[in-house]
């Protein structure tokens, strides 16, 4: 006896339609839940590319905003310490003037000296104020910046110039000297 296989075309069509509708429903649900028109490259490839680029820019701007807020907090911390130190210095001046008054006894001056010592300790504490583990106003960053500035404007240099050679020996593309004089070199860096 031969075996006969029959296809139920109505059921196959219904299954295909169900799968298509389920996929569309899934996309619609994703758009609704995220609130965005484009959720993947399937929705709109070029639009997705643009939206991702914008998301990167937004995240960068958010980070820049966070950095600015951190810097503002750092400045407020340092400013508070400086303001407190200024107030202490004013009080120290007041105490010094008070101590110079002839109506004070040696005991009075000793008491004033104790207050002055406490103020000085507070100034030392202010100098050790930190933000994220970094000292802000203790003087460790008080140093002259060592930098140089080169000003070669519209010069194509000769390929024969030696790397690490003297600046005064530099030549232009025609092999002619740039006529940089040793005694004027420092003055030009300093702006004279």
N, C-alpha and C. Protein backbone atom coordinates (compact mmCIF):
# COMPACT_ATOMS: atom_id res chain seq x y z
N UNK A 1 0.82 -1.14 0.00
CA UNK A 1 0.00 0.00 0.00
C UNK A 1 0.90 1.24 0.00
N UNK A 2 0.61 2.19 -0.79
CA UNK A 2 1.40 3.41 -0.94
C UNK A 2 0.96 4.44 0.09
N UNK A 3 1.92 5.25 0.52
CA UNK A 3 1.63 6.26 1.52
C UNK A 3 1.42 7.60 0.81
N UNK A 4 0.41 8.33 1.24
CA UNK A 4 0.07 9.60 0.61
C UNK A 4 0.24 10.71 1.67
N UNK A 5 1.01 11.76 1.31
CA UNK A 5 1.21 12.90 2.21
C UNK A 5 0.41 14.06 1.65
N UNK A 6 -0.43 14.61 2.48
CA UNK A 6 -1.24 15.73 2.05
C UNK A 6 -0.76 16.98 2.78
N UNK A 7 -0.71 18.08 2.09
CA UNK A 7 -0.32 19.37 2.68
C UNK A 7 -1.57 20.14 3.04
N UNK A 8 -1.51 20.75 4.19
CA UNK A 8 -2.61 21.60 4.60
C UNK A 8 -2.17 23.03 4.31
N UNK A 9 -2.41 23.51 3.11
CA UNK A 9 -1.95 24.82 2.67
C UNK A 9 -2.57 25.94 3.51
N UNK A 10 -3.74 25.80 3.97
CA UNK A 10 -4.38 26.81 4.80
C UNK A 10 -3.62 26.99 6.12
N UNK A 11 -3.19 25.84 6.70
CA UNK A 11 -2.45 25.91 7.96
C UNK A 11 -1.07 26.53 7.75
N UNK A 12 -0.40 26.23 6.63
CA UNK A 12 0.92 26.80 6.32
C UNK A 12 0.79 28.30 6.15
N UNK A 13 -0.21 28.76 5.41
CA UNK A 13 -0.41 30.20 5.22
C UNK A 13 -0.71 30.89 6.56
N UNK A 14 -1.52 30.26 7.36
CA UNK A 14 -1.88 30.83 8.66
C UNK A 14 -0.64 30.93 9.55
N UNK A 15 0.22 29.92 9.54
CA UNK A 15 1.45 29.93 10.34
C UNK A 15 2.38 31.05 9.86
N UNK A 16 2.52 31.20 8.54
CA UNK A 16 3.37 32.27 8.00
C UNK A 16 2.83 33.65 8.40
N UNK A 17 1.53 33.83 8.30
CA UNK A 17 0.92 35.10 8.68
C UNK A 17 1.11 35.36 10.17
N UNK A 18 0.95 34.31 11.00
CA UNK A 18 1.15 34.44 12.44
C UNK A 18 2.59 34.86 12.75
N UNK A 19 3.56 34.23 12.11
CA UNK A 19 4.97 34.57 12.32
C UNK A 19 5.27 36.02 11.89
N UNK A 20 4.71 36.43 10.75
CA UNK A 20 4.90 37.78 10.25
C UNK A 20 4.31 38.79 11.22
N UNK A 21 3.09 38.52 11.70
CA UNK A 21 2.44 39.43 12.64
C UNK A 21 3.15 39.46 13.99
N UNK A 22 3.69 38.35 14.43
CA UNK A 22 4.44 38.29 15.70
C UNK A 22 5.71 39.13 15.61
N UNK A 23 6.38 39.05 14.45
CA UNK A 23 7.59 39.84 14.25
C UNK A 23 7.26 41.34 14.23
N UNK A 24 6.17 41.71 13.54
CA UNK A 24 5.75 43.11 13.49
C UNK A 24 5.34 43.59 14.88
N UNK A 25 4.66 42.74 15.62
CA UNK A 25 4.25 43.11 16.97
C UNK A 25 5.47 43.31 17.86
N UNK A 26 6.46 42.45 17.72
CA UNK A 26 7.69 42.57 18.50
C UNK A 26 8.40 43.90 18.21
N UNK A 27 8.48 44.28 16.91
CA UNK A 27 9.10 45.56 16.54
C UNK A 27 8.30 46.73 17.11
N UNK A 28 6.98 46.66 16.99
CA UNK A 28 6.14 47.74 17.50
C UNK A 28 6.27 47.87 19.01
N UNK A 29 6.35 46.74 19.70
CA UNK A 29 6.50 46.75 21.15
C UNK A 29 7.86 47.34 21.54
N UNK A 30 8.90 47.01 20.78
CA UNK A 30 10.24 47.57 21.07
C UNK A 30 10.22 49.08 20.87
N UNK A 31 9.59 49.56 19.82
CA UNK A 31 9.51 51.01 19.57
C UNK A 31 8.70 51.69 20.68
N UNK A 32 7.61 51.06 21.08
CA UNK A 32 6.76 51.65 22.10
C UNK A 32 7.47 51.69 23.44
N UNK A 33 8.12 50.60 23.81
CA UNK A 33 8.77 50.55 25.12
C UNK A 33 9.99 51.45 25.20
N UNK A 34 10.73 51.61 24.10
CA UNK A 34 11.93 52.46 24.13
C UNK A 34 11.59 53.92 23.83
N UNK A 35 10.48 54.14 23.15
CA UNK A 35 10.11 55.51 22.78
C UNK A 35 10.88 56.03 21.59
N UNK A 36 11.62 55.15 20.91
CA UNK A 36 12.42 55.56 19.76
C UNK A 36 11.87 54.93 18.49
N UNK A 37 11.94 55.70 17.41
CA UNK A 37 11.46 55.23 16.13
C UNK A 37 12.40 54.18 15.55
N UNK A 38 13.71 54.39 15.76
CA UNK A 38 14.72 53.50 15.20
C UNK A 38 15.42 52.79 16.35
N UNK A 39 15.28 51.46 16.40
CA UNK A 39 15.90 50.67 17.46
C UNK A 39 17.03 49.80 16.94
N UNK A 40 17.06 49.54 15.66
CA UNK A 40 18.12 48.71 15.10
C UNK A 40 18.32 49.09 13.64
N UNK A 41 19.35 48.55 13.03
CA UNK A 41 19.64 48.84 11.63
C UNK A 41 18.54 48.28 10.73
N UNK A 42 17.77 47.32 11.21
CA UNK A 42 16.67 46.77 10.42
C UNK A 42 15.60 47.82 10.15
N UNK A 43 15.40 48.73 11.10
CA UNK A 43 14.37 49.75 10.95
C UNK A 43 14.75 50.76 9.87
N UNK A 44 16.00 51.27 9.93
CA UNK A 44 16.48 52.27 8.97
C UNK A 44 17.99 52.33 9.15
N UNK A 45 18.74 51.74 8.23
CA UNK A 45 20.19 51.61 8.38
C UNK A 45 20.88 52.97 8.50
N UNK A 46 20.57 53.89 7.59
CA UNK A 46 21.24 55.19 7.64
C UNK A 46 20.77 56.00 8.85
N UNK A 47 19.50 55.91 9.16
CA UNK A 47 18.98 56.60 10.34
C UNK A 47 19.58 56.05 11.62
N UNK A 48 19.79 54.73 11.66
CA UNK A 48 20.41 54.10 12.83
C UNK A 48 21.85 54.57 12.99
N UNK A 49 22.56 54.68 11.88
CA UNK A 49 23.94 55.17 11.91
C UNK A 49 23.99 56.59 12.46
N UNK A 50 23.10 57.43 11.97
CA UNK A 50 23.04 58.82 12.43
C UNK A 50 22.68 58.88 13.92
N UNK A 51 21.70 58.08 14.32
CA UNK A 51 21.27 58.11 15.72
C UNK A 51 22.37 57.61 16.65
N UNK A 52 23.14 56.61 16.22
CA UNK A 52 24.24 56.11 17.05
C UNK A 52 25.33 57.16 17.18
N UNK A 53 25.61 57.86 16.10
CA UNK A 53 26.61 58.93 16.13
C UNK A 53 26.15 60.04 17.10
N UNK A 54 24.87 60.35 17.06
CA UNK A 54 24.32 61.36 17.97
C UNK A 54 24.37 60.88 19.41
N UNK A 55 24.10 59.60 19.64
CA UNK A 55 24.16 59.06 20.99
C UNK A 55 25.58 59.17 21.55
N UNK A 56 26.58 58.90 20.69
CA UNK A 56 27.97 59.03 21.13
C UNK A 56 28.26 60.48 21.50
N UNK A 57 27.80 61.41 20.69
CA UNK A 57 28.03 62.83 20.99
C UNK A 57 27.33 63.23 22.28
N UNK A 58 26.12 62.75 22.48
CA UNK A 58 25.38 63.07 23.70
C UNK A 58 26.11 62.54 24.92
N UNK A 59 26.61 61.30 24.83
CA UNK A 59 27.35 60.73 25.95
C UNK A 59 28.62 61.52 26.23
N UNK A 60 29.29 61.97 25.15
CA UNK A 60 30.50 62.78 25.33
C UNK A 60 30.15 64.11 25.99
N UNK A 61 29.05 64.72 25.58
CA UNK A 61 28.62 65.98 26.20
C UNK A 61 28.22 65.77 27.66
N UNK A 62 27.56 64.66 27.94
CA UNK A 62 27.20 64.35 29.32
C UNK A 62 28.45 64.20 30.18
N UNK A 63 29.48 63.53 29.63
CA UNK A 63 30.73 63.36 30.38
C UNK A 63 31.42 64.70 30.57
N UNK A 64 31.40 65.55 29.53
CA UNK A 64 32.00 66.88 29.65
C UNK A 64 31.27 67.69 30.72
N UNK A 65 29.96 67.56 30.77
CA UNK A 65 29.17 68.24 31.80
C UNK A 65 29.56 67.73 33.19
N UNK A 66 29.71 66.43 33.32
CA UNK A 66 30.11 65.84 34.61
C UNK A 66 31.50 66.34 35.01
N UNK A 67 32.42 66.41 34.04
CA UNK A 67 33.76 66.91 34.32
C UNK A 67 33.71 68.36 34.79
N UNK A 68 32.87 69.16 34.14
CA UNK A 68 32.74 70.57 34.54
C UNK A 68 32.17 70.68 35.95
N UNK A 69 31.22 69.83 36.28
CA UNK A 69 30.66 69.84 37.64
C UNK A 69 31.70 69.43 38.67
N UNK A 70 32.53 68.43 38.32
CA UNK A 70 33.61 68.02 39.22
C UNK A 70 34.61 69.15 39.41
N UNK A 71 34.94 69.83 38.31
CA UNK A 71 35.87 70.95 38.41
C UNK A 71 35.28 72.08 39.25
N UNK A 72 33.99 72.33 39.10
CA UNK A 72 33.34 73.37 39.90
C UNK A 72 33.39 73.00 41.38
N UNK A 73 33.18 71.73 41.69
CA UNK A 73 33.25 71.29 43.09
C UNK A 73 34.67 71.43 43.62
N UNK A 74 35.66 71.12 42.79
CA UNK A 74 37.06 71.28 43.18
C UNK A 74 37.35 72.75 43.47
N UNK A 75 36.88 73.64 42.60
CA UNK A 75 37.13 75.07 42.79
C UNK A 75 36.42 75.59 44.04
N UNK A 76 35.22 75.08 44.31
CA UNK A 76 34.50 75.50 45.52
C UNK A 76 35.25 75.05 46.77
N UNK A 77 35.80 73.84 46.72
CA UNK A 77 36.57 73.33 47.85
C UNK A 77 37.81 74.18 48.09
N UNK A 78 38.55 74.43 47.02
CA UNK A 78 39.76 75.26 47.14
C UNK A 78 39.39 76.69 47.54
N UNK A 79 38.33 77.22 46.96
CA UNK A 79 37.90 78.58 47.29
C UNK A 79 37.49 78.71 48.74
N UNK A 80 36.81 77.69 49.26
CA UNK A 80 36.42 77.71 50.67
C UNK A 80 37.64 77.74 51.58
N UNK A 81 38.65 76.94 51.24
CA UNK A 81 39.87 76.92 52.05
C UNK A 81 40.59 78.26 51.98
N UNK A 82 40.65 78.85 50.80
CA UNK A 82 41.31 80.15 50.64
C UNK A 82 40.54 81.24 51.39
N UNK A 83 39.21 81.23 51.26
CA UNK A 83 38.39 82.23 51.97
C UNK A 83 38.58 82.12 53.48
N UNK A 84 38.62 80.88 53.96
CA UNK A 84 38.83 80.66 55.39
C UNK A 84 40.20 81.18 55.81
N UNK A 85 41.22 80.94 54.98
CA UNK A 85 42.57 81.42 55.29
C UNK A 85 42.61 82.94 55.31
N UNK A 86 41.92 83.59 54.38
CA UNK A 86 41.87 85.05 54.36
C UNK A 86 41.23 85.58 55.63
N UNK A 87 40.14 84.96 56.04
CA UNK A 87 39.49 85.38 57.28
C UNK A 87 40.42 85.20 58.48
N UNK A 88 41.17 84.12 58.50
CA UNK A 88 42.12 83.88 59.59
C UNK A 88 43.21 84.95 59.58
N UNK A 89 43.69 85.31 58.39
CA UNK A 89 44.72 86.34 58.29
C UNK A 89 44.19 87.69 58.80
N UNK A 90 42.95 87.98 58.50
CA UNK A 90 42.35 89.22 59.02
C UNK A 90 42.29 89.18 60.55
N UNK A 91 41.90 88.02 61.07
CA UNK A 91 41.83 87.88 62.53
C UNK A 91 43.23 87.98 63.14
N UNK A 92 44.24 87.42 62.44
CA UNK A 92 45.62 87.52 62.94
C UNK A 92 46.08 88.97 63.00
N UNK A 93 45.73 89.74 61.98
CA UNK A 93 46.10 91.16 61.99
C UNK A 93 45.44 91.86 63.17
N UNK A 94 44.18 91.52 63.39
CA UNK A 94 43.43 92.10 64.51
C UNK A 94 44.10 91.75 65.84
N UNK A 95 44.53 90.50 65.97
CA UNK A 95 45.19 90.06 67.21
C UNK A 95 46.54 90.74 67.38
N UNK A 96 47.26 90.94 66.28
CA UNK A 96 48.56 91.61 66.36
C UNK A 96 48.39 93.05 66.82
N UNK A 97 47.39 93.72 66.29
CA UNK A 97 47.12 95.10 66.70
C UNK A 97 46.70 95.14 68.16
N UNK A 98 45.88 94.17 68.57
CA UNK A 98 45.43 94.08 69.97
C UNK A 98 46.62 93.83 70.89
N UNK A 99 47.54 92.95 70.48
CA UNK A 99 48.69 92.63 71.32
C UNK A 99 49.62 93.83 71.47
N UNK A 100 49.64 94.71 70.48
CA UNK A 100 50.51 95.89 70.54
C UNK A 100 49.98 96.97 71.47
N UNK A 101 48.76 96.82 71.94
CA UNK A 101 48.16 97.81 72.83
C UNK A 101 48.89 97.79 74.17
N UNK A 102 49.25 98.95 74.64
CA UNK A 102 49.99 99.05 75.90
C UNK A 102 49.15 98.70 77.12
N UNK A 103 47.86 98.64 76.97
CA UNK A 103 47.02 98.32 78.14
C UNK A 103 47.02 96.83 78.45
N UNK A 104 47.59 96.00 77.56
CA UNK A 104 47.64 94.55 77.78
C UNK A 104 48.80 94.18 78.70
N UNK A 105 48.55 93.19 79.53
CA UNK A 105 49.61 92.66 80.39
C UNK A 105 50.30 91.52 79.66
N UNK A 106 51.36 91.00 80.27
CA UNK A 106 52.06 89.87 79.67
C UNK A 106 51.14 88.64 79.60
N UNK A 107 50.26 88.48 80.58
CA UNK A 107 49.29 87.38 80.56
C UNK A 107 48.33 87.53 79.39
N UNK A 108 47.88 88.75 79.17
CA UNK A 108 46.98 89.00 78.04
C UNK A 108 47.68 88.66 76.72
N UNK A 109 48.93 89.07 76.62
CA UNK A 109 49.67 88.79 75.38
C UNK A 109 49.91 87.29 75.21
N UNK A 110 50.12 86.57 76.32
CA UNK A 110 50.30 85.11 76.25
C UNK A 110 49.01 84.45 75.75
N UNK A 111 47.87 84.95 76.23
CA UNK A 111 46.58 84.42 75.78
C UNK A 111 46.37 84.71 74.29
N UNK A 112 46.72 85.93 73.89
CA UNK A 112 46.60 86.28 72.47
C UNK A 112 47.52 85.41 71.64
N UNK A 113 48.73 85.12 72.15
CA UNK A 113 49.68 84.27 71.42
C UNK A 113 49.12 82.87 71.23
N UNK A 114 48.43 82.34 72.26
CA UNK A 114 47.81 81.02 72.13
C UNK A 114 46.77 81.02 71.01
N UNK A 115 45.96 82.10 70.95
CA UNK A 115 44.97 82.21 69.87
C UNK A 115 45.65 82.29 68.51
N UNK A 116 46.74 83.05 68.45
CA UNK A 116 47.50 83.18 67.19
C UNK A 116 48.03 81.82 66.76
N UNK A 117 48.55 81.05 67.72
CA UNK A 117 49.07 79.71 67.40
C UNK A 117 47.95 78.81 66.85
N UNK A 118 46.74 78.93 67.43
CA UNK A 118 45.61 78.14 66.93
C UNK A 118 45.24 78.57 65.51
N UNK A 119 45.27 79.86 65.25
CA UNK A 119 44.98 80.35 63.91
C UNK A 119 46.01 79.82 62.91
N UNK A 120 47.26 79.82 63.30
CA UNK A 120 48.32 79.31 62.41
C UNK A 120 48.11 77.82 62.13
N UNK A 121 47.69 77.07 63.15
CA UNK A 121 47.39 75.65 62.95
C UNK A 121 46.23 75.49 61.96
N UNK A 122 45.24 76.37 62.05
CA UNK A 122 44.12 76.31 61.11
C UNK A 122 44.58 76.62 59.68
N UNK A 123 45.50 77.56 59.54
CA UNK A 123 46.03 77.86 58.21
C UNK A 123 46.76 76.65 57.65
N UNK A 124 47.53 75.97 58.52
CA UNK A 124 48.22 74.75 58.07
C UNK A 124 47.22 73.67 57.65
N UNK A 125 46.13 73.55 58.40
CA UNK A 125 45.08 72.58 58.04
C UNK A 125 44.44 72.96 56.70
N UNK A 126 44.22 74.25 56.48
CA UNK A 126 43.65 74.70 55.20
C UNK A 126 44.58 74.37 54.04
N UNK A 127 45.88 74.45 54.28
CA UNK A 127 46.86 74.15 53.23
C UNK A 127 46.83 72.68 52.84
N UNK A 128 46.30 71.85 53.72
CA UNK A 128 46.26 70.41 53.45
C UNK A 128 44.90 69.93 52.94
N UNK A 129 44.05 70.87 52.52
CA UNK A 129 42.73 70.49 52.01
C UNK A 129 42.92 69.67 50.73
N UNK A 130 42.10 68.62 50.59
CA UNK A 130 42.22 67.71 49.46
C UNK A 130 40.90 67.59 48.72
N UNK A 131 41.01 67.23 47.45
CA UNK A 131 39.85 66.89 46.64
C UNK A 131 40.22 65.65 45.86
N UNK A 132 39.50 64.57 46.08
CA UNK A 132 39.80 63.27 45.45
C UNK A 132 41.25 62.86 45.68
N UNK A 133 41.75 63.12 46.89
CA UNK A 133 43.10 62.69 47.24
C UNK A 133 44.21 63.61 46.75
N UNK A 134 43.87 64.72 46.12
CA UNK A 134 44.89 65.65 45.63
C UNK A 134 44.88 66.90 46.49
N UNK A 135 46.08 67.31 46.89
CA UNK A 135 46.20 68.56 47.64
C UNK A 135 45.95 69.73 46.70
N UNK A 136 45.18 70.69 47.17
CA UNK A 136 44.79 71.79 46.30
C UNK A 136 45.63 73.04 46.50
N UNK A 137 45.92 73.43 47.73
CA UNK A 137 46.59 74.71 47.95
C UNK A 137 47.80 74.59 48.86
N UNK A 138 48.49 73.46 48.83
CA UNK A 138 49.64 73.30 49.72
C UNK A 138 50.94 73.83 49.12
N UNK A 139 50.90 74.36 47.90
CA UNK A 139 52.08 74.94 47.29
C UNK A 139 52.90 73.99 46.46
N UNK A 140 52.51 72.73 46.34
CA UNK A 140 53.32 71.78 45.56
C UNK A 140 53.27 72.08 44.08
N UNK A 141 52.30 72.83 43.64
CA UNK A 141 52.18 73.14 42.21
C UNK A 141 52.74 74.52 41.87
N UNK A 142 53.40 75.15 42.83
CA UNK A 142 53.97 76.47 42.59
C UNK A 142 55.35 76.33 41.96
N UNK A 143 55.39 76.22 40.67
CA UNK A 143 56.66 76.18 39.97
C UNK A 143 56.50 76.83 38.61
N UNK A 144 57.59 77.34 38.13
CA UNK A 144 57.56 78.01 36.83
C UNK A 144 57.40 76.97 35.73
N UNK A 145 56.59 77.26 34.77
CA UNK A 145 56.38 76.37 33.65
C UNK A 145 57.54 76.54 32.67
N UNK A 146 58.17 75.43 32.34
CA UNK A 146 59.27 75.46 31.40
C UNK A 146 58.74 75.04 30.04
N UNK A 147 58.71 75.95 29.10
CA UNK A 147 58.23 75.60 27.77
C UNK A 147 58.95 76.45 26.75
N UNK A 148 58.92 75.97 25.54
CA UNK A 148 59.51 76.73 24.43
C UNK A 148 58.47 76.89 23.35
N UNK A 149 58.74 77.79 22.46
CA UNK A 149 57.79 78.07 21.40
C UNK A 149 58.58 78.22 20.12
N UNK A 150 58.17 77.52 19.08
CA UNK A 150 58.83 77.63 17.78
C UNK A 150 57.91 78.37 16.83
N UNK A 151 58.50 79.29 16.07
CA UNK A 151 57.70 80.08 15.14
C UNK A 151 58.32 80.01 13.76
N UNK A 152 58.02 78.95 13.01
CA UNK A 152 58.45 78.84 11.63
C UNK A 152 57.22 79.07 10.77
N UNK A 153 57.10 80.25 10.26
CA UNK A 153 55.90 80.60 9.51
C UNK A 153 56.22 80.55 8.02
N UNK A 154 55.46 79.72 7.31
CA UNK A 154 55.60 79.58 5.86
C UNK A 154 57.02 79.22 5.44
N UNK A 155 57.70 78.39 6.19
CA UNK A 155 59.01 77.90 5.81
C UNK A 155 58.91 76.42 5.53
N UNK A 156 59.38 76.02 4.37
CA UNK A 156 59.59 74.61 4.09
C UNK A 156 61.06 74.37 4.37
N UNK A 157 61.35 73.47 5.30
CA UNK A 157 62.73 73.25 5.71
C UNK A 157 63.43 72.30 4.76
N UNK A 158 64.73 72.44 4.69
CA UNK A 158 65.57 71.60 3.85
C UNK A 158 65.56 70.18 4.41
N UNK A 159 65.49 69.19 3.52
CA UNK A 159 65.48 67.79 3.96
C UNK A 159 66.83 67.39 4.54
N UNK A 160 67.86 68.16 4.30
CA UNK A 160 69.20 67.87 4.82
C UNK A 160 69.41 68.32 6.25
N UNK A 161 68.42 68.98 6.85
CA UNK A 161 68.57 69.40 8.24
C UNK A 161 68.72 68.17 9.13
N UNK A 162 69.63 68.26 10.08
CA UNK A 162 69.93 67.12 10.95
C UNK A 162 68.98 67.15 12.15
N UNK A 163 68.33 66.00 12.37
CA UNK A 163 67.44 65.88 13.52
C UNK A 163 68.27 65.98 14.79
N UNK A 164 67.89 66.86 15.67
CA UNK A 164 68.64 67.06 16.90
C UNK A 164 69.78 68.05 16.74
N UNK A 165 69.92 68.62 15.54
CA UNK A 165 70.96 69.62 15.32
C UNK A 165 70.57 70.95 15.93
N UNK A 166 71.49 71.88 15.88
CA UNK A 166 71.24 73.20 16.46
C UNK A 166 70.17 73.94 15.66
N UNK A 167 69.35 74.69 16.35
CA UNK A 167 68.30 75.47 15.70
C UNK A 167 68.92 76.53 14.80
N UNK A 168 70.07 77.03 15.21
CA UNK A 168 70.73 78.08 14.44
C UNK A 168 71.26 77.58 13.10
N UNK A 169 71.35 76.26 12.93
CA UNK A 169 71.87 75.68 11.69
C UNK A 169 70.77 75.30 10.70
N UNK A 170 69.50 75.57 11.02
CA UNK A 170 68.41 75.19 10.14
C UNK A 170 68.48 75.95 8.82
N UNK A 171 68.09 75.25 7.73
CA UNK A 171 68.09 75.85 6.39
C UNK A 171 66.71 75.69 5.77
N UNK A 172 66.37 76.61 4.86
CA UNK A 172 65.09 76.50 4.18
C UNK A 172 65.20 75.49 3.04
N UNK A 173 64.12 75.30 2.28
CA UNK A 173 64.10 74.26 1.25
C UNK A 173 65.11 74.50 0.13
N UNK A 174 65.58 75.75 -0.03
CA UNK A 174 66.58 76.04 -1.06
C UNK A 174 67.99 75.85 -0.54
N UNK A 175 68.13 75.47 0.74
CA UNK A 175 69.45 75.27 1.32
C UNK A 175 70.04 76.53 1.91
N UNK A 176 69.28 77.63 1.92
CA UNK A 176 69.76 78.89 2.48
C UNK A 176 69.52 78.90 3.99
N UNK A 177 70.41 79.53 4.71
CA UNK A 177 70.30 79.63 6.17
C UNK A 177 69.08 80.46 6.55
N UNK A 178 68.43 80.09 7.64
CA UNK A 178 67.32 80.88 8.15
C UNK A 178 67.81 82.07 8.96
N UNK A 179 69.12 82.16 9.14
CA UNK A 179 69.77 83.27 9.84
C UNK A 179 69.24 83.46 11.26
N UNK A 180 69.11 82.36 11.98
CA UNK A 180 68.73 82.43 13.39
C UNK A 180 70.01 82.65 14.18
N UNK A 181 70.10 83.76 14.90
CA UNK A 181 71.30 84.11 15.64
C UNK A 181 71.17 83.62 17.07
N UNK A 182 72.27 83.12 17.60
CA UNK A 182 72.26 82.56 18.95
C UNK A 182 71.85 83.59 19.99
N UNK A 183 72.35 84.81 19.89
CA UNK A 183 72.03 85.80 20.90
C UNK A 183 70.60 86.31 20.79
N UNK A 184 69.93 86.15 19.66
CA UNK A 184 68.54 86.58 19.49
C UNK A 184 67.56 85.43 19.73
N UNK A 185 68.08 84.20 19.83
CA UNK A 185 67.21 83.04 19.96
C UNK A 185 66.39 83.11 21.26
N UNK A 186 67.04 83.31 22.38
CA UNK A 186 66.33 83.38 23.65
C UNK A 186 65.40 84.58 23.70
N UNK A 187 65.86 85.69 23.14
CA UNK A 187 65.03 86.89 23.14
C UNK A 187 63.76 86.68 22.32
N UNK A 188 63.86 85.93 21.23
CA UNK A 188 62.66 85.68 20.41
C UNK A 188 61.68 84.77 21.13
N UNK A 189 62.20 83.81 21.92
CA UNK A 189 61.33 82.95 22.69
C UNK A 189 60.62 83.74 23.77
N UNK A 190 61.30 84.73 24.32
CA UNK A 190 60.71 85.51 25.40
C UNK A 190 59.84 86.64 24.88
N UNK A 191 59.83 86.84 23.57
CA UNK A 191 58.96 87.84 22.96
C UNK A 191 59.59 89.21 22.83
N UNK A 192 60.92 89.30 22.88
CA UNK A 192 61.59 90.60 22.73
C UNK A 192 61.92 90.89 21.29
